[in-house]
Amino acid sequence: MITSLLAAAASVPVTPEWSPTVAIIISASSVVALLLTLKIDQPQVGPKLPGLPLSLGAFIGAMAFGHVIGIGIVLGLTNIGRL
Protein backbone atom coordinates (compact mmCIF):
# COMPACT_ATOMS: atom_id res chain seq x y z
CA MET A 1 0.00 0.00 0.00
CA ILE A 2 2.74 2.45 0.95
CA THR A 3 4.85 1.60 -2.08
CA SER A 4 1.95 2.16 -4.46
CA LEU A 5 1.33 5.58 -2.87
CA LEU A 6 5.00 6.47 -3.25
CA ALA A 7 5.00 5.32 -6.86
CA ALA A 8 1.92 7.44 -7.57
CA ALA A 9 3.51 10.45 -5.90
CA ALA A 10 6.67 10.02 -7.96
CA SER A 11 4.74 10.21 -11.24
CA VAL A 12 3.02 13.56 -10.52
CA PRO A 13 3.98 16.10 -13.18
CA VAL A 14 5.60 19.39 -12.25
CA THR A 15 3.06 22.11 -11.56
CA PRO A 16 3.74 25.74 -12.50
CA GLU A 17 4.83 28.29 -9.96
CA TRP A 18 2.74 31.38 -9.43
CA SER A 19 3.16 34.02 -12.11
CA PRO A 20 1.10 36.94 -13.36
CA THR A 21 -0.12 34.73 -16.22
CA VAL A 22 -1.52 32.20 -13.74
CA ALA A 23 -3.17 35.02 -11.79
CA ILE A 24 -4.78 36.44 -14.95
CA ILE A 25 -6.14 33.02 -15.95
CA ILE A 26 -7.66 32.34 -12.54
CA SER A 27 -9.04 35.89 -12.27
CA ALA A 28 -10.63 35.71 -15.70
CA SER A 29 -12.23 32.35 -14.98
CA SER A 30 -13.59 33.71 -11.68
CA VAL A 31 -15.13 36.69 -13.47
CA VAL A 32 -16.73 34.38 -16.05
CA ALA A 33 -18.15 32.21 -13.25
CA LEU A 34 -19.49 35.35 -11.55
CA LEU A 35 -21.19 36.44 -14.78
CA LEU A 36 -22.71 32.98 -15.17
CA THR A 37 -24.04 33.23 -11.60
CA LEU A 38 -26.15 36.21 -12.62
CA LYS A 39 -28.18 33.83 -14.83
CA ILE A 40 -29.38 31.56 -12.00
CA ASP A 41 -33.05 31.60 -10.99
CA GLN A 42 -32.77 33.15 -7.53
CA PRO A 43 -29.35 34.77 -7.04
CA GLN A 44 -30.59 36.99 -4.20
CA VAL A 45 -31.64 34.33 -1.70
CA GLY A 46 -29.77 34.87 1.57
CA PRO A 47 -27.66 37.77 2.87
CA LYS A 48 -27.20 40.42 0.19
CA LEU A 49 -23.91 41.90 -0.99
CA PRO A 50 -23.80 45.68 -1.31
CA GLY A 51 -23.29 46.78 -4.90
CA LEU A 52 -23.87 43.37 -6.49
CA PRO A 53 -27.17 41.72 -7.36
CA LEU A 54 -26.04 38.49 -5.64
CA SER A 55 -26.26 36.92 -2.25
CA LEU A 56 -23.19 36.10 -0.23
CA GLY A 57 -23.59 32.36 -0.88
CA ALA A 58 -23.89 32.85 -4.65
CA PHE A 59 -20.78 35.06 -4.66
CA ILE A 60 -18.69 32.59 -2.66
CA GLY A 61 -19.90 29.70 -4.81
CA ALA A 62 -19.05 31.58 -8.01
CA MET A 63 -15.56 32.41 -6.79
CA ALA A 64 -14.92 28.82 -5.71
CA PHE A 65 -16.17 27.49 -9.06
CA GLY A 66 -14.05 30.05 -10.92
CA HIS A 67 -10.93 29.00 -9.04
CA VAL A 68 -11.58 25.31 -9.76
CA ILE A 69 -12.06 26.04 -13.47
CA GLY A 70 -8.96 28.29 -13.48
CA ILE A 71 -6.83 25.63 -11.84
CA GLY A 72 -7.99 23.15 -14.47
CA ILE A 73 -7.06 25.56 -17.25
CA VAL A 74 -3.62 26.24 -15.74
CA LEU A 75 -2.87 22.55 -15.27
CA GLY A 76 -4.13 21.75 -18.76
CA LEU A 77 -2.00 24.47 -20.35
CA THR A 78 1.00 23.31 -18.35
CA ASN A 79 0.44 19.71 -19.43
CA ILE A 80 0.45 20.62 -23.14
CA GLY A 81 3.47 22.87 -22.70
CA ARG A 82 1.83 26.25 -23.33
CA LEU A 83 2.42 27.69 -19.86
PDB file of N, CA and C in Angstrom:
ATOM      1  N   MET A   1       0.828  -1.192   0.000  1.00  0.00           N
ATOM      2  CA  MET A   1       0.000   0.000   0.000  1.00  0.00           C
ATOM      3  C   MET A   1       0.874   1.258   0.000  1.00  0.00           C
ATOM      4  N   ILE A   2       1.859   1.291   0.864  1.00  0.00           N
ATOM      5  CA  ILE A   2       2.739   2.453   0.950  1.00  0.00           C
ATOM      6  C   ILE A   2       3.555   2.607  -0.324  1.00  0.00           C
ATOM      7  N   THR A   3       4.035   1.500  -0.869  1.00  0.00           N
ATOM      8  CA  THR A   3       4.853   1.595  -2.078  1.00  0.00           C
ATOM      9  C   THR A   3       4.041   2.075  -3.272  1.00  0.00           C
ATOM     10  N   SER A   4       2.772   1.680  -3.349  1.00  0.00           N
ATOM     11  CA  SER A   4       1.952   2.161  -4.460  1.00  0.00           C
ATOM     12  C   SER A   4       1.664   3.650  -4.319  1.00  0.00           C
ATOM     13  N   LEU A   5       1.510   4.144  -3.087  1.00  0.00           N
ATOM     14  CA  LEU A   5       1.325   5.584  -2.875  1.00  0.00           C
ATOM     15  C   LEU A   5       2.587   6.358  -3.250  1.00  0.00           C
ATOM     16  N   LEU A   6       3.741   5.810  -2.901  1.00  0.00           N
ATOM     17  CA  LEU A   6       4.995   6.469  -3.246  1.00  0.00           C
ATOM     18  C   LEU A   6       5.224   6.461  -4.752  1.00  0.00           C
ATOM     19  N   ALA A   7       4.852   5.374  -5.411  1.00  0.00           N
ATOM     20  CA  ALA A   7       4.997   5.321  -6.863  1.00  0.00           C
ATOM     21  C   ALA A   7       4.067   6.310  -7.541  1.00  0.00           C
ATOM     22  N   ALA A   8       2.862   6.465  -7.008  1.00  0.00           N
ATOM     23  CA  ALA A   8       1.916   7.436  -7.572  1.00  0.00           C
ATOM     24  C   ALA A   8       2.419   8.856  -7.348  1.00  0.00           C
ATOM     25  N   ALA A   9       2.994   9.121  -6.192  1.00  0.00           N
ATOM     26  CA  ALA A   9       3.508  10.455  -5.903  1.00  0.00           C
ATOM     27  C   ALA A   9       4.731  10.787  -6.757  1.00  0.00           C
ATOM     28  N   ALA A  10       5.478   9.791  -7.143  1.00  0.00           N
ATOM     29  CA  ALA A  10       6.673  10.023  -7.962  1.00  0.00           C
ATOM     30  C   ALA A  10       6.313  10.359  -9.400  1.00  0.00           C
ATOM     31  N   SER A  11       5.108   9.975  -9.841  1.00  0.00           N
ATOM     32  CA  SER A  11       4.737  10.209 -11.236  1.00  0.00           C
ATOM     33  C   SER A  11       3.922  11.485 -11.430  1.00  0.00           C
ATOM     34  N   VAL A  12       3.790  12.310 -10.403  1.00  0.00           N
ATOM     35  CA  VAL A  12       3.021  13.557 -10.522  1.00  0.00           C
ATOM     36  C   VAL A  12       3.834  14.555 -11.337  1.00  0.00           C
ATOM     37  N   PRO A  13       3.223  15.148 -12.368  1.00  0.00           N
ATOM     38  CA  PRO A  13       3.981  16.104 -13.181  1.00  0.00           C
ATOM     39  C   PRO A  13       4.258  17.398 -12.407  1.00  0.00           C
ATOM     40  N   VAL A  14       5.230  18.122 -12.879  1.00  0.00           N
ATOM     41  CA  VAL A  14       5.604  19.387 -12.250  1.00  0.00           C
ATOM     42  C   VAL A  14       4.493  20.401 -12.481  1.00  0.00           C
ATOM     43  N   THR A  15       4.083  21.073 -11.427  1.00  0.00           N
ATOM     44  CA  THR A  15       3.059  22.108 -11.560  1.00  0.00           C
ATOM     45  C   THR A  15       3.739  23.471 -11.656  1.00  0.00           C
ATOM     46  N   PRO A  16       3.096  24.431 -12.317  1.00  0.00           N
ATOM     47  CA  PRO A  16       3.740  25.736 -12.500  1.00  0.00           C
ATOM     48  C   PRO A  16       3.765  26.535 -11.212  1.00  0.00           C
ATOM     49  N   GLU A  17       4.787  27.358 -11.087  1.00  0.00           N
ATOM     50  CA  GLU A  17       4.831  28.285  -9.963  1.00  0.00           C
ATOM     51  C   GLU A  17       3.932  29.464 -10.274  1.00  0.00           C
ATOM     52  N   TRP A  18       3.603  30.232  -9.230  1.00  0.00           N
ATOM     53  CA  TRP A  18       2.740  31.383  -9.429  1.00  0.00           C
ATOM     54  C   TRP A  18       3.440  32.389 -10.335  1.00  0.00           C
ATOM     55  N   SER A  19       2.664  32.960 -11.237  1.00  0.00           N
ATOM     56  CA  SER A  19       3.158  34.017 -12.109  1.00  0.00           C
ATOM     57  C   SER A  19       1.974  34.914 -12.434  1.00  0.00           C
ATOM     58  N   PRO A  20       2.218  36.085 -12.969  1.00  0.00           N
ATOM     59  CA  PRO A  20       1.097  36.944 -13.359  1.00  0.00           C
ATOM     60  C   PRO A  20       0.173  36.286 -14.391  1.00  0.00           C
ATOM     61  N   THR A  21       0.714  35.434 -15.241  1.00  0.00           N
ATOM     62  CA  THR A  21      -0.118  34.730 -16.219  1.00  0.00           C
ATOM     63  C   THR A  21      -1.100  33.800 -15.523  1.00  0.00           C
ATOM     64  N   VAL A  22      -0.649  33.078 -14.511  1.00  0.00           N
ATOM     65  CA  VAL A  22      -1.524  32.202 -13.737  1.00  0.00           C
ATOM     66  C   VAL A  22      -2.596  33.026 -13.039  1.00  0.00           C
ATOM     67  N   ALA A  23      -2.210  34.158 -12.486  1.00  0.00           N
ATOM     68  CA  ALA A  23      -3.173  35.018 -11.794  1.00  0.00           C
ATOM     69  C   ALA A  23      -4.229  35.554 -12.759  1.00  0.00           C
ATOM     70  N   ILE A  24      -3.829  35.928 -13.952  1.00  0.00           N
ATOM     71  CA  ILE A  24      -4.780  36.437 -14.946  1.00  0.00           C
ATOM     72  C   ILE A  24      -5.758  35.341 -15.366  1.00  0.00           C
ATOM     73  N   ILE A  25      -5.268  34.129 -15.548  1.00  0.00           N
ATOM     74  CA  ILE A  25      -6.140  33.019 -15.952  1.00  0.00           C
ATOM     75  C   ILE A  25      -7.172  32.729 -14.871  1.00  0.00           C
ATOM     76  N   ILE A  26      -6.738  32.649 -13.622  1.00  0.00           N
ATOM     77  CA  ILE A  26      -7.664  32.340 -12.536  1.00  0.00           C
ATOM     78  C   ILE A  26      -8.629  33.498 -12.305  1.00  0.00           C
ATOM     79  N   SER A  27      -8.153  34.731 -12.421  1.00  0.00           N
ATOM     80  CA  SER A  27      -9.039  35.888 -12.266  1.00  0.00           C
ATOM     81  C   SER A  27     -10.089  35.936 -13.367  1.00  0.00           C
ATOM     82  N   ALA A  28      -9.682  35.682 -14.588  1.00  0.00           N
ATOM     83  CA  ALA A  28     -10.627  35.708 -15.704  1.00  0.00           C
ATOM     84  C   ALA A  28     -11.672  34.605 -15.563  1.00  0.00           C
ATOM     85  N   SER A  29     -11.258  33.429 -15.148  1.00  0.00           N
ATOM     86  CA  SER A  29     -12.230  32.351 -14.980  1.00  0.00           C
ATOM     87  C   SER A  29     -13.175  32.633 -13.812  1.00  0.00           C
ATOM     88  N   SER A  30     -12.705  33.331 -12.783  1.00  0.00           N
ATOM     89  CA  SER A  30     -13.587  33.713 -11.679  1.00  0.00           C
ATOM     90  C   SER A  30     -14.602  34.753 -12.120  1.00  0.00           C
ATOM     91  N   VAL A  31     -14.197  35.686 -12.962  1.00  0.00           N
ATOM     92  CA  VAL A  31     -15.130  36.693 -13.472  1.00  0.00           C
ATOM     93  C   VAL A  31     -16.180  36.037 -14.368  1.00  0.00           C
ATOM     94  N   VAL A  32     -15.773  35.090 -15.198  1.00  0.00           N
ATOM     95  CA  VAL A  32     -16.733  34.384 -16.054  1.00  0.00           C
ATOM     96  C   VAL A  32     -17.724  33.600 -15.195  1.00  0.00           C
ATOM     97  N   ALA A  33     -17.249  32.946 -14.150  1.00  0.00           N
ATOM     98  CA  ALA A  33     -18.147  32.212 -13.253  1.00  0.00           C
ATOM     99  C   ALA A  33     -19.105  33.166 -12.548  1.00  0.00           C
ATOM    100  N   LEU A  34     -18.624  34.348 -12.194  1.00  0.00           N
ATOM    101  CA  LEU A  34     -19.491  35.348 -11.550  1.00  0.00           C
ATOM    102  C   LEU A  34     -20.561  35.828 -12.524  1.00  0.00           C
ATOM    103  N   LEU A  35     -20.208  36.039 -13.782  1.00  0.00           N
ATOM    104  CA  LEU A  35     -21.194  36.442 -14.782  1.00  0.00           C
ATOM    105  C   LEU A  35     -22.219  35.345 -15.036  1.00  0.00           C
ATOM    106  N   LEU A  36     -21.772  34.090 -15.009  1.00  0.00           N
ATOM    107  CA  LEU A  36     -22.711  32.978 -15.166  1.00  0.00           C
ATOM    108  C   LEU A  36     -23.663  32.883 -13.977  1.00  0.00           C
ATOM    109  N   THR A  37     -23.214  33.282 -12.797  1.00  0.00           N
ATOM    110  CA  THR A  37     -24.039  33.233 -11.603  1.00  0.00           C
ATOM    111  C   THR A  37     -25.213  34.205 -11.703  1.00  0.00           C
ATOM    112  N   LEU A  38     -25.058  35.253 -12.459  1.00  0.00           N
ATOM    113  CA  LEU A  38     -26.155  36.207 -12.617  1.00  0.00           C
ATOM    114  C   LEU A  38     -27.329  35.605 -13.376  1.00  0.00           C
ATOM    115  N   LYS A  39     -27.133  34.484 -14.052  1.00  0.00           N
ATOM    116  CA  LYS A  39     -28.181  33.834 -14.833  1.00  0.00           C
ATOM    117  C   LYS A  39     -28.966  32.788 -14.043  1.00  0.00           C
ATOM    118  N   ILE A  40     -28.644  32.552 -12.765  1.00  0.00           N
ATOM    119  CA  ILE A  40     -29.384  31.555 -11.999  1.00  0.00           C
ATOM    120  C   ILE A  40     -30.758  32.097 -11.635  1.00  0.00           C
ATOM    121  N   ASP A  41     -31.660  31.211 -11.235  1.00  0.00           N
ATOM    122  CA  ASP A  41     -33.048  31.597 -10.993  1.00  0.00           C
ATOM    123  C   ASP A  41     -33.213  32.579  -9.840  1.00  0.00           C
ATOM    124  N   GLN A  42     -32.598  32.301  -8.707  1.00  0.00           N
ATOM    125  CA  GLN A  42     -32.765  33.147  -7.531  1.00  0.00           C
ATOM    126  C   GLN A  42     -31.405  33.506  -6.939  1.00  0.00           C
ATOM    127  N   PRO A  43     -30.681  34.453  -7.542  1.00  0.00           N
ATOM    128  CA  PRO A  43     -29.349  34.774  -7.036  1.00  0.00           C
ATOM    129  C   PRO A  43     -29.363  35.621  -5.757  1.00  0.00           C
ATOM    130  N   GLN A  44     -30.537  36.091  -5.350  1.00  0.00           N
ATOM    131  CA  GLN A  44     -30.592  36.989  -4.199  1.00  0.00           C
ATOM    132  C   GLN A  44     -31.186  36.341  -2.961  1.00  0.00           C
ATOM    133  N   VAL A  45     -31.148  35.026  -2.876  1.00  0.00           N
ATOM    134  CA  VAL A  45     -31.645  34.331  -1.700  1.00  0.00           C
ATOM    135  C   VAL A  45     -30.528  34.287  -0.672  1.00  0.00           C
ATOM    136  N   GLY A  46     -30.761  34.836   0.512  1.00  0.00           N
ATOM    137  CA  GLY A  46     -29.771  34.869   1.571  1.00  0.00           C
ATOM    138  C   GLY A  46     -29.271  36.282   1.799  1.00  0.00           C
ATOM    139  N   PRO A  47     -28.202  36.428   2.589  1.00  0.00           N
ATOM    140  CA  PRO A  47     -27.662  37.769   2.874  1.00  0.00           C
ATOM    141  C   PRO A  47     -27.174  38.441   1.592  1.00  0.00           C
ATOM    142  N   LYS A  48     -27.533  39.686   1.421  1.00  0.00           N
ATOM    143  CA  LYS A  48     -27.202  40.420   0.189  1.00  0.00           C
ATOM    144  C   LYS A  48     -25.804  41.042   0.278  1.00  0.00           C
ATOM    145  N   LEU A  49     -25.185  41.192  -0.878  1.00  0.00           N
ATOM    146  CA  LEU A  49     -23.912  41.901  -0.992  1.00  0.00           C
ATOM    147  C   LEU A  49     -24.196  43.327  -1.454  1.00  0.00           C
ATOM    148  N   PRO A  50     -23.574  44.312  -0.839  1.00  0.00           N
ATOM    149  CA  PRO A  50     -23.798  45.684  -1.310  1.00  0.00           C
ATOM    150  C   PRO A  50     -23.120  45.909  -2.658  1.00  0.00           C
ATOM    151  N   GLY A  51     -23.866  46.453  -3.605  1.00  0.00           N
ATOM    152  CA  GLY A  51     -23.293  46.783  -4.899  1.00  0.00           C
ATOM    153  C   GLY A  51     -23.379  45.681  -5.941  1.00  0.00           C
ATOM    154  N   LEU A  52     -23.738  44.475  -5.542  1.00  0.00           N
ATOM    155  CA  LEU A  52     -23.871  43.366  -6.487  1.00  0.00           C
ATOM    156  C   LEU A  52     -25.259  42.757  -6.351  1.00  0.00           C
ATOM    157  N   PRO A  53     -25.850  42.351  -7.449  1.00  0.00           N
ATOM    158  CA  PRO A  53     -27.170  41.720  -7.363  1.00  0.00           C
ATOM    159  C   PRO A  53     -27.081  40.227  -7.026  1.00  0.00           C
ATOM    160  N   LEU A  54     -26.257  39.878  -6.054  1.00  0.00           N
ATOM    161  CA  LEU A  54     -26.041  38.488  -5.643  1.00  0.00           C
ATOM    162  C   LEU A  54     -26.112  38.376  -4.142  1.00  0.00           C
ATOM    163  N   SER A  55     -26.376  37.174  -3.678  1.00  0.00           N
ATOM    164  CA  SER A  55     -26.262  36.915  -2.250  1.00  0.00           C
ATOM    165  C   SER A  55     -24.827  36.512  -1.930  1.00  0.00           C
ATOM    166  N   LEU A  56     -24.534  36.473  -0.660  1.00  0.00           N
ATOM    167  CA  LEU A  56     -23.188  36.096  -0.232  1.00  0.00           C
ATOM    168  C   LEU A  56     -22.856  34.672  -0.645  1.00  0.00           C
ATOM    169  N   GLY A  57     -23.818  33.761  -0.502  1.00  0.00           N
ATOM    170  CA  GLY A  57     -23.587  32.364  -0.880  1.00  0.00           C
ATOM    171  C   GLY A  57     -23.330  32.193  -2.364  1.00  0.00           C
ATOM    172  N   ALA A  58     -24.099  32.935  -3.192  1.00  0.00           N
ATOM    173  CA  ALA A  58     -23.892  32.849  -4.646  1.00  0.00           C
ATOM    174  C   ALA A  58     -22.523  33.397  -5.031  1.00  0.00           C
ATOM    175  N   PHE A  59     -22.088  34.466  -4.370  1.00  0.00           N
ATOM    176  CA  PHE A  59     -20.781  35.056  -4.662  1.00  0.00           C
ATOM    177  C   PHE A  59     -19.651  34.098  -4.290  1.00  0.00           C
ATOM    178  N   ILE A  60     -19.734  33.520  -3.101  1.00  0.00           N
ATOM    179  CA  ILE A  60     -18.687  32.590  -2.662  1.00  0.00           C
ATOM    180  C   ILE A  60     -18.660  31.348  -3.548  1.00  0.00           C
ATOM    181  N   GLY A  61     -19.838  30.854  -3.912  1.00  0.00           N
ATOM    182  CA  GLY A  61     -19.904  29.700  -4.806  1.00  0.00           C
ATOM    183  C   GLY A  61     -19.317  29.997  -6.176  1.00  0.00           C
ATOM    184  N   ALA A  62     -19.597  31.197  -6.699  1.00  0.00           N
ATOM    185  CA  ALA A  62     -19.054  31.576  -8.009  1.00  0.00           C
ATOM    186  C   ALA A  62     -17.537  31.697  -7.962  1.00  0.00           C
ATOM    187  N   MET A  63     -17.014  32.282  -6.895  1.00  0.00           N
ATOM    188  CA  MET A  63     -15.562  32.411  -6.788  1.00  0.00           C
ATOM    189  C   MET A  63     -14.889  31.050  -6.637  1.00  0.00           C
ATOM    190  N   ALA A  64     -15.492  30.162  -5.870  1.00  0.00           N
ATOM    191  CA  ALA A  64     -14.923  28.822  -5.713  1.00  0.00           C
ATOM    192  C   ALA A  64     -14.938  28.070  -7.046  1.00  0.00           C
ATOM    193  N   PHE A  65     -16.067  28.154  -7.758  1.00  0.00           N
ATOM    194  CA  PHE A  65     -16.167  27.489  -9.057  1.00  0.00           C
ATOM    195  C   PHE A  65     -15.169  28.090 -10.051  1.00  0.00           C
ATOM    196  N   GLY A  66     -15.012  29.398 -10.032  1.00  0.00           N
ATOM    197  CA  GLY A  66     -14.051  30.051 -10.919  1.00  0.00           C
ATOM    198  C   GLY A  66     -12.627  29.620 -10.641  1.00  0.00           C
ATOM    199  N   HIS A  67     -12.279  29.454  -9.372  1.00  0.00           N
ATOM    200  CA  HIS A  67     -10.934  28.996  -9.039  1.00  0.00           C
ATOM    201  C   HIS A  67     -10.707  27.557  -9.496  1.00  0.00           C
ATOM    202  N   VAL A  68     -11.719  26.704  -9.326  1.00  0.00           N
ATOM    203  CA  VAL A  68     -11.577  25.313  -9.763  1.00  0.00           C
ATOM    204  C   VAL A  68     -11.391  25.250 -11.282  1.00  0.00           C
ATOM    205  N   ILE A  69     -12.194  26.010 -12.015  1.00  0.00           N
ATOM    206  CA  ILE A  69     -12.061  26.041 -13.473  1.00  0.00           C
ATOM    207  C   ILE A  69     -10.692  26.623 -13.866  1.00  0.00           C
ATOM    208  N   GLY A  70     -10.263  27.684 -13.183  1.00  0.00           N
ATOM    209  CA  GLY A  70      -8.963  28.295 -13.476  1.00  0.00           C
ATOM    210  C   GLY A  70      -7.806  27.353 -13.218  1.00  0.00           C
ATOM    211  N   ILE A  71      -7.887  26.597 -12.140  1.00  0.00           N
ATOM    212  CA  ILE A  71      -6.828  25.633 -11.841  1.00  0.00           C
ATOM    213  C   ILE A  71      -6.777  24.558 -12.926  1.00  0.00           C
ATOM    214  N   GLY A  72      -7.945  24.129 -13.380  1.00  0.00           N
ATOM    215  CA  GLY A  72      -7.987  23.149 -14.467  1.00  0.00           C
ATOM    216  C   GLY A  72      -7.367  23.687 -15.746  1.00  0.00           C
ATOM    217  N   ILE A  73      -7.641  24.945 -16.051  1.00  0.00           N
ATOM    218  CA  ILE A  73      -7.060  25.564 -17.246  1.00  0.00           C
ATOM    219  C   ILE A  73      -5.542  25.662 -17.117  1.00  0.00           C
ATOM    220  N   VAL A  74      -5.071  26.104 -15.954  1.00  0.00           N
ATOM    221  CA  VAL A  74      -3.624  26.244 -15.739  1.00  0.00           C
ATOM    222  C   VAL A  74      -2.931  24.893 -15.835  1.00  0.00           C
ATOM    223  N   LEU A  75      -3.496  23.868 -15.196  1.00  0.00           N
ATOM    224  CA  LEU A  75      -2.873  22.553 -15.274  1.00  0.00           C
ATOM    225  C   LEU A  75      -2.930  21.981 -16.688  1.00  0.00           C
ATOM    226  N   GLY A  76      -4.038  22.217 -17.387  1.00  0.00           N
ATOM    227  CA  GLY A  76      -4.128  21.751 -18.761  1.00  0.00           C
ATOM    228  C   GLY A  76      -3.119  22.429 -19.679  1.00  0.00           C
ATOM    229  N   LEU A  77      -2.977  23.740 -19.547  1.00  0.00           N
ATOM    230  CA  LEU A  77      -2.001  24.465 -20.354  1.00  0.00           C
ATOM    231  C   LEU A  77      -0.570  24.048 -20.015  1.00  0.00           C
ATOM    232  N   THR A  78      -0.329  23.772 -18.735  1.00  0.00           N
ATOM    233  CA  THR A  78       1.002  23.307 -18.347  1.00  0.00           C
ATOM    234  C   THR A  78       1.279  21.924 -18.931  1.00  0.00           C
ATOM    235  N   ASN A  79       0.264  21.084 -18.930  1.00  0.00           N
ATOM    236  CA  ASN A  79       0.438  19.715 -19.429  1.00  0.00           C
ATOM    237  C   ASN A  79       0.744  19.688 -20.925  1.00  0.00           C
ATOM    238  N   ILE A  80       0.168  20.611 -21.693  1.00  0.00           N
ATOM    239  CA  ILE A  80       0.447  20.624 -23.137  1.00  0.00           C
ATOM    240  C   ILE A  80       1.636  21.498 -23.487  1.00  0.00           C
ATOM    241  N   GLY A  81       2.255  22.108 -22.476  1.00  0.00           N
ATOM    242  CA  GLY A  81       3.472  22.868 -22.698  1.00  0.00           C
ATOM    243  C   GLY A  81       3.272  24.309 -23.108  1.00  0.00           C
ATOM    244  N   ARG A  82       2.099  24.861 -22.925  1.00  0.00           N
ATOM    245  CA  ARG A  82       1.832  26.248 -23.328  1.00  0.00           C
ATOM    246  C   ARG A  82       2.049  27.249 -22.213  1.00  0.00           C
ATOM    247  N   LEU A  83       2.250  26.769 -21.000  1.00  0.00           N
ATOM    248  CA  LEU A  83       2.419  27.689 -19.865  1.00  0.00           C
ATOM    249  C   LEU A  83       3.697  27.383 -19.128  1.00  0.00           C
TER     250      LEU A  83
END
